[in-house]
Amino acid sequence: MRGVTNGRSASQQSTETRPSIRTSEFIVFVVTSLLMIIVAYTDEAFNVEHGMTLVGVLTVGYMLSRGIAKAGSREAYRVER
């Protein structure tokens, strides 16, 4: 019988998206932020304030991309009742 498991009914529900740590945009964000911080502290022509500003801009871009991703996708999972 469909929807019944071990005598219990099961319903299919969905999450908004994958966990953020499992996305490619998170990996790109972390690597780019780390490289930006390293360059800001080691390169004399690129000051720390400018580097931290760029990391802040990257952070805002990442948060916007996660918000857009959560707005339009679902991942299914089953819940037993």
N, C-alpha and C. Protein backbone atom coordinates (compact mmCIF):
# COMPACT_ATOMS: atom_id res chain seq x y z
N MET A 1 0.83 -1.18 0.00
CA MET A 1 0.00 0.00 0.00
C MET A 1 0.88 1.25 0.00
N ARG A 2 0.54 2.18 -0.79
CA ARG A 2 1.34 3.38 -0.92
C ARG A 2 1.10 4.32 0.28
N GLY A 3 2.18 4.86 0.85
CA GLY A 3 2.08 5.78 1.97
C GLY A 3 2.00 5.12 3.33
N VAL A 4 2.06 3.77 3.37
CA VAL A 4 2.00 3.07 4.64
C VAL A 4 3.28 2.28 4.83
N THR A 5 3.93 2.46 5.98
CA THR A 5 5.17 1.76 6.29
C THR A 5 5.05 1.15 7.67
N ASN A 6 5.18 -0.17 7.76
CA ASN A 6 5.07 -0.87 9.04
C ASN A 6 3.79 -0.52 9.80
N GLY A 7 2.70 -0.44 9.09
CA GLY A 7 1.44 -0.15 9.74
C GLY A 7 1.22 1.31 10.07
N ARG A 8 2.19 2.15 9.77
CA ARG A 8 2.06 3.59 10.03
C ARG A 8 1.94 4.32 8.70
N SER A 9 1.24 5.42 8.71
CA SER A 9 1.17 6.21 7.49
C SER A 9 2.38 7.14 7.43
N ALA A 10 2.83 7.42 6.24
CA ALA A 10 3.98 8.30 6.06
C ALA A 10 3.57 9.43 5.12
N SER A 11 3.96 10.62 5.46
CA SER A 11 3.67 11.75 4.59
C SER A 11 4.98 12.31 4.07
N GLN A 12 4.91 12.84 2.87
CA GLN A 12 6.11 13.41 2.27
C GLN A 12 6.08 14.91 2.47
N GLN A 13 7.13 15.44 3.06
CA GLN A 13 7.25 16.87 3.29
C GLN A 13 8.52 17.35 2.61
N SER A 14 8.77 18.64 2.66
CA SER A 14 9.98 19.15 2.01
C SER A 14 10.64 20.22 2.85
N THR A 15 11.95 20.30 2.70
CA THR A 15 12.73 21.37 3.31
C THR A 15 12.85 22.48 2.28
N GLU A 16 13.41 23.59 2.69
CA GLU A 16 13.55 24.68 1.73
C GLU A 16 14.66 24.38 0.71
N THR A 17 15.84 24.05 1.18
CA THR A 17 16.97 23.76 0.29
C THR A 17 17.94 22.85 1.02
N ARG A 18 19.05 22.56 0.35
CA ARG A 18 20.13 21.82 1.01
C ARG A 18 20.73 22.69 2.10
N PRO A 19 21.37 22.07 3.09
CA PRO A 19 22.08 22.87 4.08
C PRO A 19 23.15 23.74 3.40
N SER A 20 23.32 24.95 3.86
CA SER A 20 24.21 25.89 3.18
C SER A 20 25.65 25.41 3.08
N ILE A 21 26.09 24.63 4.04
CA ILE A 21 27.49 24.18 4.03
C ILE A 21 27.74 23.16 2.91
N ARG A 22 26.69 22.59 2.35
CA ARG A 22 26.83 21.60 1.28
C ARG A 22 26.72 22.20 -0.11
N THR A 23 26.73 23.51 -0.24
CA THR A 23 26.57 24.14 -1.55
C THR A 23 27.91 24.62 -2.10
N SER A 24 27.98 24.70 -3.42
CA SER A 24 29.20 25.18 -4.06
C SER A 24 29.42 26.66 -3.78
N GLU A 25 28.35 27.43 -3.64
CA GLU A 25 28.54 28.86 -3.37
C GLU A 25 29.17 29.10 -2.01
N PHE A 26 28.92 28.22 -1.03
CA PHE A 26 29.57 28.37 0.27
C PHE A 26 31.07 28.13 0.15
N ILE A 27 31.45 27.10 -0.59
CA ILE A 27 32.88 26.80 -0.79
C ILE A 27 33.57 27.96 -1.49
N VAL A 28 32.95 28.49 -2.53
CA VAL A 28 33.53 29.63 -3.25
C VAL A 28 33.63 30.84 -2.33
N PHE A 29 32.61 31.07 -1.51
CA PHE A 29 32.62 32.19 -0.58
C PHE A 29 33.77 32.08 0.41
N VAL A 30 33.95 30.91 1.01
CA VAL A 30 35.01 30.71 2.01
C VAL A 30 36.39 30.87 1.38
N VAL A 31 36.61 30.24 0.25
CA VAL A 31 37.92 30.31 -0.41
C VAL A 31 38.23 31.75 -0.83
N THR A 32 37.26 32.41 -1.44
CA THR A 32 37.48 33.79 -1.88
C THR A 32 37.72 34.73 -0.70
N SER A 33 36.96 34.55 0.37
CA SER A 33 37.16 35.40 1.56
C SER A 33 38.54 35.20 2.16
N LEU A 34 38.96 33.94 2.28
CA LEU A 34 40.29 33.67 2.83
C LEU A 34 41.39 34.27 1.95
N LEU A 35 41.27 34.10 0.64
CA LEU A 35 42.27 34.68 -0.27
C LEU A 35 42.28 36.20 -0.17
N MET A 36 41.10 36.81 -0.05
CA MET A 36 41.02 38.27 0.06
C MET A 36 41.70 38.74 1.34
N ILE A 37 41.50 38.05 2.43
CA ILE A 37 42.13 38.42 3.71
C ILE A 37 43.64 38.26 3.64
N ILE A 38 44.10 37.17 3.05
CA ILE A 38 45.55 36.93 2.91
C ILE A 38 46.19 38.03 2.07
N VAL A 39 45.58 38.36 0.95
CA VAL A 39 46.12 39.41 0.07
C VAL A 39 46.10 40.75 0.78
N ALA A 40 45.04 41.04 1.53
CA ALA A 40 44.94 42.33 2.23
C ALA A 40 46.06 42.50 3.26
N TYR A 41 46.45 41.42 3.90
CA TYR A 41 47.50 41.52 4.92
C TYR A 41 48.91 41.40 4.36
N THR A 42 49.08 40.85 3.17
CA THR A 42 50.43 40.64 2.64
C THR A 42 50.84 41.62 1.55
N ASP A 43 49.91 42.15 0.80
CA ASP A 43 50.24 43.05 -0.31
C ASP A 43 50.20 44.49 0.17
N GLU A 44 51.28 45.21 -0.07
CA GLU A 44 51.36 46.60 0.38
C GLU A 44 50.48 47.53 -0.44
N ALA A 45 50.22 47.18 -1.68
CA ALA A 45 49.40 48.04 -2.54
C ALA A 45 47.90 47.86 -2.26
N PHE A 46 47.54 46.84 -1.54
CA PHE A 46 46.14 46.50 -1.26
C PHE A 46 45.95 46.57 0.25
N ASN A 47 45.35 47.64 0.75
CA ASN A 47 45.29 47.81 2.20
C ASN A 47 44.21 46.95 2.87
N VAL A 48 44.32 46.80 4.17
CA VAL A 48 43.46 45.92 4.95
C VAL A 48 42.01 46.42 4.95
N GLU A 49 41.81 47.73 5.07
CA GLU A 49 40.46 48.27 5.08
C GLU A 49 39.71 47.94 3.79
N HIS A 50 40.39 48.08 2.67
CA HIS A 50 39.78 47.77 1.38
C HIS A 50 39.47 46.27 1.29
N GLY A 51 40.37 45.46 1.77
CA GLY A 51 40.16 44.01 1.77
C GLY A 51 38.96 43.60 2.61
N MET A 52 38.83 44.18 3.79
CA MET A 52 37.70 43.84 4.66
C MET A 52 36.37 44.34 4.07
N THR A 53 36.42 45.47 3.38
CA THR A 53 35.22 45.96 2.70
C THR A 53 34.78 44.97 1.62
N LEU A 54 35.74 44.47 0.87
CA LEU A 54 35.42 43.49 -0.17
C LEU A 54 34.90 42.18 0.42
N VAL A 55 35.42 41.75 1.56
CA VAL A 55 34.91 40.55 2.23
C VAL A 55 33.47 40.80 2.68
N GLY A 56 33.18 42.00 3.15
CA GLY A 56 31.81 42.35 3.53
C GLY A 56 30.86 42.30 2.34
N VAL A 57 31.32 42.81 1.20
CA VAL A 57 30.51 42.75 -0.02
C VAL A 57 30.28 41.30 -0.44
N LEU A 58 31.32 40.47 -0.35
CA LEU A 58 31.17 39.04 -0.65
C LEU A 58 30.14 38.38 0.27
N THR A 59 30.16 38.75 1.54
CA THR A 59 29.22 38.19 2.51
C THR A 59 27.78 38.55 2.16
N VAL A 60 27.56 39.80 1.81
CA VAL A 60 26.22 40.23 1.41
C VAL A 60 25.78 39.49 0.15
N GLY A 61 26.68 39.33 -0.80
CA GLY A 61 26.36 38.59 -2.03
C GLY A 61 26.02 37.14 -1.74
N TYR A 62 26.75 36.53 -0.82
CA TYR A 62 26.46 35.14 -0.45
C TYR A 62 25.10 35.04 0.21
N MET A 63 24.79 35.94 1.13
CA MET A 63 23.49 35.90 1.81
C MET A 63 22.35 36.11 0.81
N LEU A 64 22.52 37.00 -0.15
CA LEU A 64 21.50 37.19 -1.18
C LEU A 64 21.32 35.94 -2.03
N SER A 65 22.42 35.30 -2.40
CA SER A 65 22.31 34.09 -3.22
C SER A 65 21.62 32.96 -2.46
N ARG A 66 21.86 32.83 -1.15
CA ARG A 66 21.16 31.82 -0.34
C ARG A 66 19.68 32.15 -0.23
N GLY A 67 19.36 33.42 -0.08
CA GLY A 67 17.96 33.81 -0.01
C GLY A 67 17.21 33.51 -1.29
N ILE A 68 17.85 33.77 -2.42
CA ILE A 68 17.23 33.47 -3.71
C ILE A 68 17.08 31.96 -3.88
N ALA A 69 18.08 31.20 -3.45
CA ALA A 69 18.01 29.74 -3.55
C ALA A 69 16.90 29.18 -2.68
N LYS A 70 16.73 29.72 -1.49
CA LYS A 70 15.67 29.24 -0.59
C LYS A 70 14.29 29.62 -1.09
N ALA A 71 14.19 30.69 -1.84
CA ALA A 71 12.89 31.16 -2.29
C ALA A 71 12.26 30.24 -3.32
N GLY A 72 13.08 29.46 -4.05
CA GLY A 72 12.50 28.72 -5.16
C GLY A 72 12.74 27.24 -5.23
N SER A 73 13.23 26.60 -4.18
CA SER A 73 13.49 25.17 -4.31
C SER A 73 13.02 24.41 -3.09
N ARG A 74 12.77 23.14 -3.30
CA ARG A 74 12.32 22.24 -2.23
C ARG A 74 13.07 20.92 -2.33
N GLU A 75 13.29 20.28 -1.19
CA GLU A 75 13.92 18.95 -1.12
C GLU A 75 12.98 18.06 -0.31
N ALA A 76 12.57 16.94 -0.92
CA ALA A 76 11.56 16.08 -0.27
C ALA A 76 12.18 15.16 0.77
N TYR A 77 11.39 14.84 1.80
CA TYR A 77 11.75 13.82 2.78
C TYR A 77 10.45 13.25 3.34
N ARG A 78 10.53 12.05 3.94
CA ARG A 78 9.34 11.37 4.44
C ARG A 78 9.30 11.45 5.97
N VAL A 79 8.11 11.65 6.50
CA VAL A 79 7.88 11.70 7.94
C VAL A 79 6.85 10.64 8.27
N GLU A 80 7.22 9.74 9.21
CA GLU A 80 6.28 8.71 9.64
C GLU A 80 5.41 9.24 10.76
N ARG A 81 4.14 8.87 10.71
CA ARG A 81 3.21 9.32 11.76
C ARG A 81 2.76 8.15 12.58
